[in-house]
C-alpha atoms as a PDB file:
ATOM      1  CA  UNK A   1       4.313   3.666 -18.804  1.00  0.00           C
ATOM      2  CA  UNK A   2       7.358   2.205 -17.091  1.00  0.00           C
ATOM      3  CA  UNK A   3       7.198  -0.300 -14.227  1.00  0.00           C
ATOM      4  CA  UNK A   4       9.634   0.251 -11.357  1.00  0.00           C
ATOM      5  CA  UNK A   5      10.181  -1.302  -7.940  1.00  0.00           C
ATOM      6  CA  UNK A   6       9.091   0.629  -4.855  1.00  0.00           C
ATOM      7  CA  UNK A   7       8.184   0.296  -1.198  1.00  0.00           C
ATOM      8  CA  UNK A   8       4.565   1.121  -0.400  1.00  0.00           C
ATOM      9  CA  UNK A   9       2.109   1.120   2.482  1.00  0.00           C
ATOM     10  CA  UNK A  10      -0.817  -0.962   1.158  1.00  0.00           C
ATOM     11  CA  UNK A  11      -3.222   0.490   3.741  1.00  0.00           C
ATOM     12  CA  UNK A  12      -3.245   2.900   6.685  1.00  0.00           C
ATOM     13  CA  UNK A  13      -0.933   1.777   9.489  1.00  0.00           C
ATOM     14  CA  UNK A  14       0.152  -1.299   7.504  1.00  0.00           C
ATOM     15  CA  UNK A  15       3.866  -2.126   7.236  1.00  0.00           C
ATOM     16  CA  UNK A  16       5.512  -0.956   4.036  1.00  0.00           C
ATOM     17  CA  UNK A  17       6.301  -3.717   1.562  1.00  0.00           C
ATOM     18  CA  UNK A  18       8.119  -4.113  -1.722  1.00  0.00           C
ATOM     19  CA  UNK A  19       5.897  -3.737  -4.779  1.00  0.00           C
ATOM     20  CA  UNK A  20       5.919  -2.293  -8.292  1.00  0.00           C
ATOM     21  CA  UNK A  21       4.395   0.950  -9.548  1.00  0.00           C
ATOM     22  CA  UNK A  22       3.988   2.603 -12.923  1.00  0.00           C
ATOM     23  CA  UNK A  23       5.723   5.827 -13.878  1.00  0.00           C
ATOM     24  CA  UNK A  24       4.553   7.888 -16.827  1.00  0.00           C
ATOM     25  CA  UNK A  25       6.562   8.138 -20.011  1.00  0.00           C
ATOM     26  CA  UNK A  26       8.861  11.143 -20.281  1.00  0.00           C
ATOM     27  CA  UNK A  27       6.875  14.065 -21.701  1.00  0.00           C
ATOM     28  CA  UNK A  28       8.078  17.161 -23.513  1.00  0.00           C
ATOM     29  CA  UNK A  29       9.154  19.025 -20.366  1.00  0.00           C
ATOM     30  CA  UNK A  30       9.821  16.048 -18.125  1.00  0.00           C
ATOM     31  CA  UNK A  31      12.978  14.816 -16.452  1.00  0.00           C
ATOM     32  CA  UNK A  32      13.444  11.149 -15.594  1.00  0.00           C
ATOM     33  CA  UNK A  33      15.520  10.649 -12.475  1.00  0.00           C
ATOM     34  CA  UNK A  34      17.338   7.534 -11.320  1.00  0.00           C
ATOM     35  CA  UNK A  35      16.759   7.884  -7.566  1.00  0.00           C
ATOM     36  CA  UNK A  36      19.913   7.219  -5.566  1.00  0.00           C
ATOM     37  CA  UNK A  37      18.770   8.237  -2.079  1.00  0.00           C
ATOM     38  CA  UNK A  38      15.462   9.021  -0.369  1.00  0.00           C
ATOM     39  CA  UNK A  39      15.189  10.531   3.096  1.00  0.00           C
ATOM     40  CA  UNK A  40      12.623   9.415   5.646  1.00  0.00           C
ATOM     41  CA  UNK A  41      10.689  12.383   7.016  1.00  0.00           C
ATOM     42  CA  UNK A  42       8.316  12.179   9.963  1.00  0.00           C
ATOM     43  CA  UNK A  43       5.689  13.486   7.546  1.00  0.00           C
ATOM     44  CA  UNK A  44       5.960  10.147   5.745  1.00  0.00           C
ATOM     45  CA  UNK A  45       4.906   8.382   8.931  1.00  0.00           C
ATOM     46  CA  UNK A  46       2.051  10.815   9.646  1.00  0.00           C
ATOM     47  CA  UNK A  47       0.620  10.230   6.194  1.00  0.00           C
ATOM     48  CA  UNK A  48       1.233   6.477   5.938  1.00  0.00           C
ATOM     49  CA  UNK A  49      -0.634   6.102   9.240  1.00  0.00           C
ATOM     50  CA  UNK A  50      -3.345   8.658   8.364  1.00  0.00           C
ATOM     51  CA  UNK A  51      -2.353  10.892  11.253  1.00  0.00           C
ATOM     52  CA  UNK A  52      -3.240  13.953   9.187  1.00  0.00           C
ATOM     53  CA  UNK A  53      -6.499  12.628   7.787  1.00  0.00           C
ATOM     54  CA  UNK A  54      -7.681  10.339   5.018  1.00  0.00           C
ATOM     55  CA  UNK A  55      -4.900   9.314   2.647  1.00  0.00           C
ATOM     56  CA  UNK A  56      -4.487   7.566  -0.708  1.00  0.00           C
ATOM     57  CA  UNK A  57      -3.371   3.921  -0.736  1.00  0.00           C
ATOM     58  CA  UNK A  58      -1.292   2.164  -1.794  1.00  0.00           C
ATOM     59  CA  UNK A  59       1.119   4.947  -0.765  1.00  0.00           C
ATOM     60  CA  UNK A  60       4.755   5.256  -1.786  1.00  0.00           C
ATOM     61  CA  UNK A  61       6.129   7.892   0.600  1.00  0.00           C
ATOM     62  CA  UNK A  62       9.262   9.975   0.167  1.00  0.00           C
ATOM     63  CA  UNK A  63       9.727  13.657  -0.645  1.00  0.00           C
ATOM     64  CA  UNK A  64      13.460  13.956  -0.012  1.00  0.00           C
ATOM     65  CA  UNK A  65      14.752  12.655  -3.333  1.00  0.00           C
ATOM     66  CA  UNK A  66      18.268  12.875  -4.756  1.00  0.00           C
ATOM     67  CA  UNK A  67      19.430  11.224  -7.936  1.00  0.00           C
ATOM     68  CA  UNK A  68      20.779  11.505 -11.455  1.00  0.00           C
ATOM     69  CA  UNK A  69      18.979  12.496 -14.660  1.00  0.00           C
ATOM     70  CA  UNK A  70      18.682   9.579 -17.095  1.00  0.00           C
ATOM     71  CA  UNK A  71      16.370  11.069 -19.731  1.00  0.00           C
ATOM     72  CA  UNK A  72      14.917  14.464 -20.647  1.00  0.00           C
ATOM     73  CA  UNK A  73      12.017  15.489 -22.827  1.00  0.00           C
ATOM     74  CA  UNK A  74      12.605  17.418 -26.065  1.00  0.00           C
ATOM     75  CA  UNK A  75      11.471  20.716 -24.503  1.00  0.00           C
ATOM     76  CA  UNK A  76      13.692  20.527 -21.426  1.00  0.00           C
ATOM     77  CA  UNK A  77      16.247  23.344 -21.202  1.00  0.00           C
ATOM     78  CA  UNK A  78      17.393  23.316 -17.563  1.00  0.00           C
ATOM     79  CA  UNK A  79      18.780  19.790 -17.220  1.00  0.00           C
ATOM     80  CA  UNK A  80      20.735  17.201 -19.160  1.00  0.00           C
ATOM     81  CA  UNK A  81      21.399  13.496 -18.771  1.00  0.00           C
ATOM     82  CA  UNK A  82      23.935  12.947 -15.999  1.00  0.00           C
ATOM     83  CA  UNK A  83      22.980  16.001 -13.923  1.00  0.00           C
ATOM     84  CA  UNK A  84      22.743  15.571 -10.156  1.00  0.00           C
ATOM     85  CA  UNK A  85      19.272  16.685  -9.092  1.00  0.00           C
ATOM     86  CA  UNK A  86      16.701  16.657  -6.332  1.00  0.00           C
ATOM     87  CA  UNK A  87      12.934  16.645  -5.890  1.00  0.00           C
ATOM     88  CA  UNK A  88      11.238  17.857  -2.734  1.00  0.00           C
ATOM     89  CA  UNK A  89       7.706  17.949  -1.414  1.00  0.00           C
ATOM     90  CA  UNK A  90       5.874  19.026  -4.573  1.00  0.00           C
ATOM     91  CA  UNK A  91       5.920  18.070  -8.235  1.00  0.00           C
ATOM     92  CA  UNK A  92       3.479  20.585  -9.748  1.00  0.00           C
ATOM     93  CA  UNK A  93       1.158  23.529  -9.043  1.00  0.00           C
ATOM     94  CA  UNK A  94      -1.222  25.743 -10.992  1.00  0.00           C
ATOM     95  CA  UNK A  95       1.661  28.005 -12.177  1.00  0.00           C
ATOM     96  CA  UNK A  96      -0.819  30.866 -12.712  1.00  0.00           C
ATOM     97  CA  UNK A  97      -1.788  32.294  -9.308  1.00  0.00           C
ATOM     98  CA  UNK A  98       0.085  35.160  -7.663  1.00  0.00           C
ATOM     99  CA  UNK A  99       1.991  32.841  -5.335  1.00  0.00           C
ATOM    100  CA  UNK A 100       3.098  30.472  -8.076  1.00  0.00           C
ATOM    101  CA  UNK A 101       4.231  33.367 -10.244  1.00  0.00           C
ATOM    102  CA  UNK A 102       6.179  34.736  -7.273  1.00  0.00           C
ATOM    103  CA  UNK A 103       8.033  31.451  -6.804  1.00  0.00           C
ATOM    104  CA  UNK A 104       5.952  30.480  -3.776  1.00  0.00           C
ATOM    105  CA  UNK A 105       4.527  27.339  -5.314  1.00  0.00           C
ATOM    106  CA  UNK A 106       4.109  25.762  -1.879  1.00  0.00           C
ATOM    107  CA  UNK A 107       1.314  28.271  -1.265  1.00  0.00           C
ATOM    108  CA  UNK A 108      -0.456  27.743  -4.599  1.00  0.00           C
ATOM    109  CA  UNK A 109      -3.832  29.467  -4.330  1.00  0.00           C
ATOM    110  CA  UNK A 110      -5.690  27.008  -6.551  1.00  0.00           C
ATOM    111  CA  UNK A 111      -6.015  24.074  -4.211  1.00  0.00           C
ATOM    112  CA  UNK A 112      -2.376  23.956  -3.181  1.00  0.00           C
ATOM    113  CA  UNK A 113       0.483  22.265  -5.014  1.00  0.00           C
ATOM    114  CA  UNK A 114       0.536  18.701  -6.263  1.00  0.00           C
ATOM    115  CA  UNK A 115       2.445  16.892  -3.541  1.00  0.00           C
ATOM    116  CA  UNK A 116       5.132  14.384  -4.425  1.00  0.00           C
ATOM    117  CA  UNK A 117       3.047  11.574  -2.959  1.00  0.00           C
ATOM    118  CA  UNK A 118      -0.406  11.059  -1.435  1.00  0.00           C
ATOM    119  CA  UNK A 119      -1.885  13.406  -4.025  1.00  0.00           C
ATOM    120  CA  UNK A 120      -3.492  13.319  -7.446  1.00  0.00           C
ATOM    121  CA  UNK A 121      -1.620  14.787 -10.417  1.00  0.00           C
ATOM    122  CA  UNK A 122      -3.088  16.823 -13.222  1.00  0.00           C
ATOM    123  CA  UNK A 123      -3.387  13.588 -15.200  1.00  0.00           C
ATOM    124  CA  UNK A 124      -5.798  12.260 -12.594  1.00  0.00           C
ATOM    125  CA  UNK A 125      -3.373   9.615 -11.397  1.00  0.00           C
ATOM    126  CA  UNK A 126      -2.019   9.225  -7.834  1.00  0.00           C
ATOM    127  CA  UNK A 127       1.471  10.536  -7.196  1.00  0.00           C
ATOM    128  CA  UNK A 128       4.104   8.196  -5.792  1.00  0.00           C
ATOM    129  CA  UNK A 129       7.167   9.322  -3.864  1.00  0.00           C
ATOM    130  CA  UNK A 130      10.833   8.590  -3.553  1.00  0.00           C
ATOM    131  CA  UNK A 131      10.890   5.146  -1.960  1.00  0.00           C
ATOM    132  CA  UNK A 132      11.333   3.832  -5.483  1.00  0.00           C
ATOM    133  CA  UNK A 133      13.867   3.273  -8.237  1.00  0.00           C
ATOM    134  CA  UNK A 134      12.992   6.253 -10.421  1.00  0.00           C
ATOM    135  CA  UNK A 135      10.591   9.131 -10.913  1.00  0.00           C
ATOM    136  CA  UNK A 136       9.453  11.403 -13.756  1.00  0.00           C
ATOM    137  CA  UNK A 137       8.967  15.079 -12.845  1.00  0.00           C
ATOM    138  CA  UNK A 138       8.369  18.282 -14.777  1.00  0.00           C
ATOM    139  CA  UNK A 139      11.673  20.178 -15.013  1.00  0.00           C
ATOM    140  CA  UNK A 140      10.165  23.222 -13.287  1.00  0.00           C
ATOM    141  CA  UNK A 141       9.881  21.247 -10.043  1.00  0.00           C
ATOM    142  CA  UNK A 142      13.385  19.765 -10.116  1.00  0.00           C
ATOM    143  CA  UNK A 143      16.413  21.422  -8.508  1.00  0.00           C
ATOM    144  CA  UNK A 144      20.119  21.014  -9.104  1.00  0.00           C
ATOM    145  CA  UNK A 145      22.311  19.477  -6.382  1.00  0.00           C
ATOM    146  CA  UNK A 146      25.642  21.372  -6.324  1.00  0.00           C
ATOM    147  CA  UNK A 147      28.805  19.335  -6.753  1.00  0.00           C
ATOM    148  CA  UNK A 148      29.898  20.216  -3.228  1.00  0.00           C
ATOM    149  CA  UNK A 149      27.094  18.149  -1.692  1.00  0.00           C
ATOM    150  CA  UNK A 150      26.963  14.372  -1.584  1.00  0.00           C
ATOM    151  CA  UNK A 151      23.644  13.052  -2.844  1.00  0.00           C
ATOM    152  CA  UNK A 152      23.120  11.072   0.350  1.00  0.00           C
ATOM    153  CA  UNK A 153      23.463  14.070   2.695  1.00  0.00           C
ATOM    154  CA  UNK A 154      21.659  16.340   0.218  1.00  0.00           C
ATOM    155  CA  UNK A 155      18.476  14.255   0.044  1.00  0.00           C
ATOM    156  CA  UNK A 156      17.099  15.394   3.447  1.00  0.00           C
ATOM    157  CA  UNK A 157      17.739  19.006   2.500  1.00  0.00           C
ATOM    158  CA  UNK A 158      14.825  18.764   0.046  1.00  0.00           C
ATOM    159  CA  UNK A 159      12.483  18.865   3.057  1.00  0.00           C
ATOM    160  CA  UNK A 160      14.380  19.286   6.332  1.00  0.00           C
ATOM    161  CA  UNK A 161      16.725  21.847   4.803  1.00  0.00           C
ATOM    162  CA  UNK A 162      14.218  24.045   3.017  1.00  0.00           C
ATOM    163  CA  UNK A 163      11.619  23.761   5.808  1.00  0.00           C
ATOM    164  CA  UNK A 164      14.055  25.434   8.207  1.00  0.00           C
ATOM    165  CA  UNK A 165      15.893  27.692   5.747  1.00  0.00           C
ATOM    166  CA  UNK A 166      12.735  29.396   4.493  1.00  0.00           C
ATOM    167  CA  UNK A 167      11.472  30.729   7.856  1.00  0.00           C
ATOM    168  CA  UNK A 168      14.969  31.588   9.038  1.00  0.00           C
ATOM    169  CA  UNK A 169      15.406  33.775   5.946  1.00  0.00           C
ATOM    170  CA  UNK A 170      11.884  35.202   6.057  1.00  0.00           C
ATOM    171  CA  UNK A 171      12.208  36.254   9.710  1.00  0.00           C
ATOM    172  CA  UNK A 172      15.697  37.663   9.090  1.00  0.00           C
ATOM    173  CA  UNK A 173      17.825  35.323  11.177  1.00  0.00           C
ATOM    174  CA  UNK A 174      21.360  36.677  11.074  1.00  0.00           C
ATOM    175  CA  UNK A 175      23.961  38.704  12.962  1.00  0.00           C
ATOM    176  CA  UNK A 176      22.516  40.383  16.040  1.00  0.00           C
ATOM    177  CA  UNK A 177      19.481  38.068  16.180  1.00  0.00           C
ATOM    178  CA  UNK A 178      18.827  35.509  18.902  1.00  0.00           C
ATOM    179  CA  UNK A 179      17.270  32.368  17.479  1.00  0.00           C
ATOM    180  CA  UNK A 180      16.002  29.343  19.394  1.00  0.00           C
ATOM    181  CA  UNK A 181      15.395  25.989  17.738  1.00  0.00           C
ATOM    182  CA  UNK A 182      12.934  23.717  19.518  1.00  0.00           C
ATOM    183  CA  UNK A 183      13.926  20.080  19.052  1.00  0.00           C
ATOM    184  CA  UNK A 184      17.162  18.621  17.726  1.00  0.00           C
ATOM    185  CA  UNK A 185      15.808  16.053  15.304  1.00  0.00           C
ATOM    186  CA  UNK A 186      15.726  15.750  11.526  1.00  0.00           C
ATOM    187  CA  UNK A 187      14.440  19.295  11.059  1.00  0.00           C
ATOM    188  CA  UNK A 188      16.002  20.823  14.138  1.00  0.00           C
ATOM    189  CA  UNK A 189      19.572  19.805  13.429  1.00  0.00           C
ATOM    190  CA  UNK A 190      19.406  21.495  10.030  1.00  0.00           C
ATOM    191  CA  UNK A 191      17.785  24.549  11.628  1.00  0.00           C
ATOM    192  CA  UNK A 192      20.756  24.855  13.983  1.00  0.00           C
ATOM    193  CA  UNK A 193      23.306  24.470  11.203  1.00  0.00           C
ATOM    194  CA  UNK A 194      21.607  26.969   8.912  1.00  0.00           C
ATOM    195  CA  UNK A 195      20.880  29.566  11.626  1.00  0.00           C
ATOM    196  CA  UNK A 196      24.520  29.396  12.706  1.00  0.00           C
ATOM    197  CA  UNK A 197      25.733  29.778   9.118  1.00  0.00           C
ATOM    198  CA  UNK A 198      23.456  32.821   8.737  1.00  0.00           C
ATOM    199  CA  UNK A 199      25.257  34.423  11.684  1.00  0.00           C
ATOM    200  CA  UNK A 200      22.576  34.246  14.370  1.00  0.00           C
ATOM    201  CA  UNK A 201      23.165  33.451  18.034  1.00  0.00           C
ATOM    202  CA  UNK A 202      21.600  30.001  18.302  1.00  0.00           C
ATOM    203  CA  UNK A 203      20.030  28.256  21.287  1.00  0.00           C
ATOM    204  CA  UNK A 204      18.644  24.724  21.265  1.00  0.00           C
ATOM    205  CA  UNK A 205      15.580  24.054  23.407  1.00  0.00           C
ATOM    206  CA  UNK A 206      15.325  20.296  23.842  1.00  0.00           C
ATOM    207  CA  UNK A 207      13.459  18.123  26.299  1.00  0.00           C
ATOM    208  CA  UNK A 208      16.735  16.924  27.817  1.00  0.00           C
ATOM    209  CA  UNK A 209      20.466  17.576  27.567  1.00  0.00           C
ATOM    210  CA  UNK A 210      21.065  14.184  25.944  1.00  0.00           C
ATOM    211  CA  UNK A 211      22.104  15.690  22.606  1.00  0.00           C
ATOM    212  CA  UNK A 212      23.869  18.756  23.972  1.00  0.00           C
ATOM    213  CA  UNK A 213      27.315  17.843  22.637  1.00  0.00           C
ATOM    214  CA  UNK A 214      25.871  17.301  19.163  1.00  0.00           C
ATOM    215  CA  UNK A 215      23.976  20.585  19.249  1.00  0.00           C
ATOM    216  CA  UNK A 216      27.057  22.578  20.224  1.00  0.00           C
ATOM    217  CA  UNK A 217      29.114  20.811  17.555  1.00  0.00           C
ATOM    218  CA  UNK A 218      26.526  21.747  14.919  1.00  0.00           C
ATOM    219  CA  UNK A 219      26.741  25.436  15.786  1.00  0.00           C
ATOM    220  CA  UNK A 220      24.503  26.083  18.784  1.00  0.00           C
ATOM    221  CA  UNK A 221      25.830  28.666  21.223  1.00  0.00           C
ATOM    222  CA  UNK A 222      23.579  27.527  24.073  1.00  0.00           C
ATOM    223  CA  UNK A 223      21.580  24.405  24.952  1.00  0.00           C
ATOM    224  CA  UNK A 224      18.755  24.181  27.494  1.00  0.00           C
ATOM    225  CA  UNK A 225      16.473  21.402  28.727  1.00  0.00           C
ATOM    226  CA  UNK A 226      12.798  22.340  28.517  1.00  0.00           C
ATOM    227  CA  UNK A 227      11.964  19.698  31.128  1.00  0.00           C
ATOM    228  CA  UNK A 228      13.590  22.042  33.667  1.00  0.00           C
ATOM    229  CA  UNK A 229      11.096  24.785  34.691  1.00  0.00           C
ATOM    230  CA  UNK A 230      14.025  27.101  35.428  1.00  0.00           C
ATOM    231  CA  UNK A 231      14.734  27.242  31.686  1.00  0.00           C
ATOM    232  CA  UNK A 232      11.565  29.249  31.075  1.00  0.00           C
ATOM    233  CA  UNK A 233      12.320  31.572  33.966  1.00  0.00           C
ATOM    234  CA  UNK A 234      15.904  32.197  32.874  1.00  0.00           C
ATOM    235  CA  UNK A 235      15.117  32.738  29.182  1.00  0.00           C
ATOM    236  CA  UNK A 236      11.947  34.826  29.488  1.00  0.00           C
ATOM    237  CA  UNK A 237      11.888  37.629  26.898  1.00  0.00           C
ATOM    238  CA  UNK A 238      15.109  36.476  25.216  1.00  0.00           C
ATOM    239  CA  UNK A 239      14.530  35.503  21.590  1.00  0.00           C
ATOM    240  CA  UNK A 240      13.788  37.330  18.357  1.00  0.00           C
ATOM    241  CA  UNK A 241      12.731  34.094  16.695  1.00  0.00           C
ATOM    242  CA  UNK A 242      11.804  30.634  17.949  1.00  0.00           C
ATOM    243  CA  UNK A 243      11.661  27.916  15.306  1.00  0.00           C
ATOM    244  CA  UNK A 244       9.548  25.025  16.550  1.00  0.00           C
ATOM    245  CA  UNK A 245      10.491  21.872  14.650  1.00  0.00           C
ATOM    246  CA  UNK A 246       8.614  19.271  16.687  1.00  0.00           C
ATOM    247  CA  UNK A 247       5.207  17.875  15.813  1.00  0.00           C
ATOM    248  CA  UNK A 248       4.217  17.056  19.385  1.00  0.00           C
ATOM    249  CA  UNK A 249       1.797  19.446  21.127  1.00  0.00           C
ATOM    250  CA  UNK A 250       3.630  21.993  23.279  1.00  0.00           C
ATOM    251  CA  UNK A 251       2.672  24.498  25.945  1.00  0.00           C
ATOM    252  CA  UNK A 252       2.707  27.353  23.444  1.00  0.00           C
ATOM    253  CA  UNK A 253       2.010  29.957  26.096  1.00  0.00           C
ATOM    254  CA  UNK A 254       5.229  28.986  27.862  1.00  0.00           C
ATOM    255  CA  UNK A 255       7.266  29.217  24.664  1.00  0.00           C
ATOM    256  CA  UNK A 256       5.683  32.525  23.666  1.00  0.00           C
ATOM    257  CA  UNK A 257       6.901  33.958  26.974  1.00  0.00           C
ATOM    258  CA  UNK A 258      10.469  33.456  25.751  1.00  0.00           C
ATOM    259  CA  UNK A 259      10.046  36.004  22.944  1.00  0.00           C
ATOM    260  CA  UNK A 260      11.222  39.585  23.012  1.00  0.00           C
ATOM    261  CA  UNK A 261       8.938  42.403  21.897  1.00  0.00           C
ATOM    262  CA  UNK A 262       8.029  41.795  18.229  1.00  0.00           C
ATOM    263  CA  UNK A 263       9.453  38.278  18.425  1.00  0.00           C
ATOM    264  CA  UNK A 264       7.921  35.390  16.481  1.00  0.00           C
ATOM    265  CA  UNK A 265       7.296  31.744  17.305  1.00  0.00           C
ATOM    266  CA  UNK A 266       7.192  29.929  13.972  1.00  0.00           C
ATOM    267  CA  UNK A 267       5.963  26.362  13.683  1.00  0.00           C
ATOM    268  CA  UNK A 268       7.185  23.972  11.029  1.00  0.00           C
ATOM    269  CA  UNK A 269       6.045  20.844  12.845  1.00  0.00           C
ATOM    270  CA  UNK A 270       2.351  19.973  12.668  1.00  0.00           C
ATOM    271  CA  UNK A 271       0.719  18.176  15.629  1.00  0.00           C
ATOM    272  CA  UNK A 272      -2.027  15.724  14.788  1.00  0.00           C
ATOM    273  CA  UNK A 273      -4.351  17.311  17.355  1.00  0.00           C
ATOM    274  CA  UNK A 274      -5.504  20.874  18.159  1.00  0.00           C
ATOM    275  CA  UNK A 275      -3.291  22.929  20.463  1.00  0.00           C
ATOM    276  CA  UNK A 276      -4.743  25.609  22.813  1.00  0.00           C
ATOM    277  CA  UNK A 277      -3.199  29.086  22.973  1.00  0.00           C
ATOM    278  CA  UNK A 278      -4.118  32.046  25.178  1.00  0.00           C
ATOM    279  CA  UNK A 279      -4.275  35.296  23.201  1.00  0.00           C
ATOM    280  CA  UNK A 280      -2.866  37.072  26.224  1.00  0.00           C
ATOM    281  CA  UNK A 281       0.428  35.302  25.470  1.00  0.00           C
ATOM    282  CA  UNK A 282       0.901  37.424  22.355  1.00  0.00           C
ATOM    283  CA  UNK A 283      -0.953  40.568  23.415  1.00  0.00           C
ATOM    284  CA  UNK A 284       1.535  42.180  25.778  1.00  0.00           C
ATOM    285  CA  UNK A 285       4.629  42.411  23.629  1.00  0.00           C
ATOM    286  CA  UNK A 286       3.291  42.299  20.075  1.00  0.00           C
ATOM    287  CA  UNK A 287       4.530  38.773  19.754  1.00  0.00           C
ATOM    288  CA  UNK A 288       3.562  36.617  16.797  1.00  0.00           C
ATOM    289  CA  UNK A 289       2.556  32.978  16.525  1.00  0.00           C
ATOM    290  CA  UNK A 290       3.050  31.858  12.951  1.00  0.00           C
ATOM    291  CA  UNK A 291       3.993  28.956  10.700  1.00  0.00           C
ATOM    292  CA  UNK A 292       5.919  28.199   7.547  1.00  0.00           C
ATOM    293  CA  UNK A 293       5.561  25.483   4.927  1.00  0.00           C
ATOM    294  CA  UNK A 294       8.634  24.205   3.036  1.00  0.00           C
ATOM    295  CA  UNK A 295       9.736  26.702   0.366  1.00  0.00           C
ATOM    296  CA  UNK A 296       9.231  27.479  -3.297  1.00  0.00           C
ATOM    297  CA  UNK A 297      11.411  26.086  -6.070  1.00  0.00           C
ATOM    298  CA  UNK A 298      13.668  29.177  -6.389  1.00  0.00           C
ATOM    299  CA  UNK A 299      14.249  29.286  -2.628  1.00  0.00           C
ATOM    300  CA  UNK A 300      14.936  25.543  -2.529  1.00  0.00           C
ATOM    301  CA  UNK A 301      17.677  26.010  -5.098  1.00  0.00           C
ATOM    302  CA  UNK A 302      18.988  28.978  -3.088  1.00  0.00           C
ATOM    303  CA  UNK A 303      19.063  26.776   0.013  1.00  0.00           C
ATOM    304  CA  UNK A 304      21.016  24.012  -1.722  1.00  0.00           C
ATOM    305  CA  UNK A 305      23.551  26.522  -3.034  1.00  0.00           C
ATOM    306  CA  UNK A 306      23.851  28.047   0.455  1.00  0.00           C
ATOM    307  CA  UNK A 307      24.398  24.652   2.044  1.00  0.00           C
ATOM    308  CA  UNK A 308      27.040  23.736  -0.523  1.00  0.00           C
ATOM    309  CA  UNK A 309      28.821  27.055   0.016  1.00  0.00           C
ATOM    310  CA  UNK A 310      28.898  26.529   3.780  1.00  0.00           C
ATOM    311  CA  UNK A 311      29.561  22.778   3.740  1.00  0.00           C
ATOM    312  CA  UNK A 312      26.204  21.910   5.302  1.00  0.00           C
ATOM    313  CA  UNK A 313      24.709  18.482   4.793  1.00  0.00           C
ATOM    314  CA  UNK A 314      22.285  16.448   6.838  1.00  0.00           C
ATOM    315  CA  UNK A 315      23.678  14.041   9.403  1.00  0.00           C
ATOM    316  CA  UNK A 316      22.344  10.693   8.279  1.00  0.00           C
ATOM    317  CA  UNK A 317      22.071   7.011   8.981  1.00  0.00           C
ATOM    318  CA  UNK A 318      22.045   5.139   5.678  1.00  0.00           C
ATOM    319  CA  UNK A 319      19.698   2.152   5.614  1.00  0.00           C
ATOM    320  CA  UNK A 320      18.553  -0.498   3.167  1.00  0.00           C
ATOM    321  CA  UNK A 321      14.965  -0.643   1.974  1.00  0.00           C
ATOM    322  CA  UNK A 322      14.150  -3.668   4.124  1.00  0.00           C
ATOM    323  CA  UNK A 323      14.855  -1.537   7.206  1.00  0.00           C
ATOM    324  CA  UNK A 324      12.161   1.083   6.462  1.00  0.00           C
ATOM    325  CA  UNK A 325       9.580  -0.255   8.908  1.00  0.00           C
ATOM    326  CA  UNK A 326      12.175  -0.508  11.659  1.00  0.00           C
ATOM    327  CA  UNK A 327      13.301   3.036  10.846  1.00  0.00           C
ATOM    328  CA  UNK A 328       9.716   4.306  11.229  1.00  0.00           C
ATOM    329  CA  UNK A 329       9.537   2.891  14.742  1.00  0.00           C
ATOM    330  CA  UNK A 330      12.908   4.343  15.605  1.00  0.00           C
ATOM    331  CA  UNK A 331      11.849   7.795  14.371  1.00  0.00           C
ATOM    332  CA  UNK A 332       8.785   7.632  16.609  1.00  0.00           C
ATOM    333  CA  UNK A 333      11.083   6.675  19.481  1.00  0.00           C
ATOM    334  CA  UNK A 334      13.478   9.572  18.736  1.00  0.00           C
ATOM    335  CA  UNK A 335      16.185   7.002  18.019  1.00  0.00           C
ATOM    336  CA  UNK A 336      17.846   8.549  14.982  1.00  0.00           C
ATOM    337  CA  UNK A 337      20.746  10.959  14.579  1.00  0.00           C
ATOM    338  CA  UNK A 338      19.511  12.688  12.601  1.00  0.00           C
ATOM    339  CA  UNK A 339      17.893  11.505   9.410  1.00  0.00           C
ATOM    340  CA  UNK A 340      17.367   8.042   7.982  1.00  0.00           C
ATOM    341  CA  UNK A 341      18.216   7.891   4.284  1.00  0.00           C
ATOM    342  CA  UNK A 342      17.302   4.926   2.111  1.00  0.00           C
ATOM    343  CA  UNK A 343      19.890   3.584  -0.323  1.00  0.00           C
ATOM    344  CA  UNK A 344      17.433   3.006  -3.138  1.00  0.00           C
ATOM    345  CA  UNK A 345      19.789   0.572  -4.869  1.00  0.00           C
ATOM    346  CA  UNK A 346      18.538  -1.891  -2.235  1.00  0.00           C
ATOM    347  CA  UNK A 347      14.916  -1.659  -3.399  1.00  0.00           C
END
């Protein structure tokens, strides 16, 4: 075991504090990664504050990890020391079920994947995330960061990037398709960039017009305020796909009314409380209400290559580790443009 510095929440809702954790020794198929940057995802806050249910403490959050390989096991064939790599939301899965074999490890049928943190690994030990100096991960759950992407702007792509890329690809966003992105935050800003790069006509649906200039700069063709009731009247029956990136409860019936026949409203944000929906909102025009969870390892690599090809990185605010608790409060107050990234050298 190796002892490394990290930032952890010692208990639910407690401020994160500097501590040390143990990482396993490098096994036959393992890759040891010197973490350079770790993004702060709203999911980190949900879990550190037990918004999604009982969690494991102490908790080291962080599933947007970018760094450099420092050691590989003797059986590793995909990576070498010095490679620029990333780790996203999961670090293992059963590898045997139909979904795992199809490269959809995020939908592992045997209890789900082993999450990067707030989970228990196959060794029976808790998993700890990226708010730390280093991590050891099986090579099959590590992806390569292309040279065209800086590690700092690539880190958020390991969640925010793949979480938006996967549904946009699955629901065929592209030329001739009208796509709306609800929310221009950490997820939403990448959804806009990727949908635009795929060739879709992109509309941002945000509570206000405060970020309109940013949205248009990132590739949106249109920008509407959802606080204005006229928005829902004007855009009724418009979109082929609506990608909802916010985790706050919405009036889903109102948003479903914006879909064309056979359109889909896909949720990637997860509210902490139940949300009511009238079935009549989907009945009339064969509309769909669906969801999407991150992406598998092959698709995550595809996303990184796509982003490098199109020059897409997250828009970030780089912070030191002692600013994590402040950053959490700012995320909750929507005071970030558009992703906090921790410089892990400051841990």
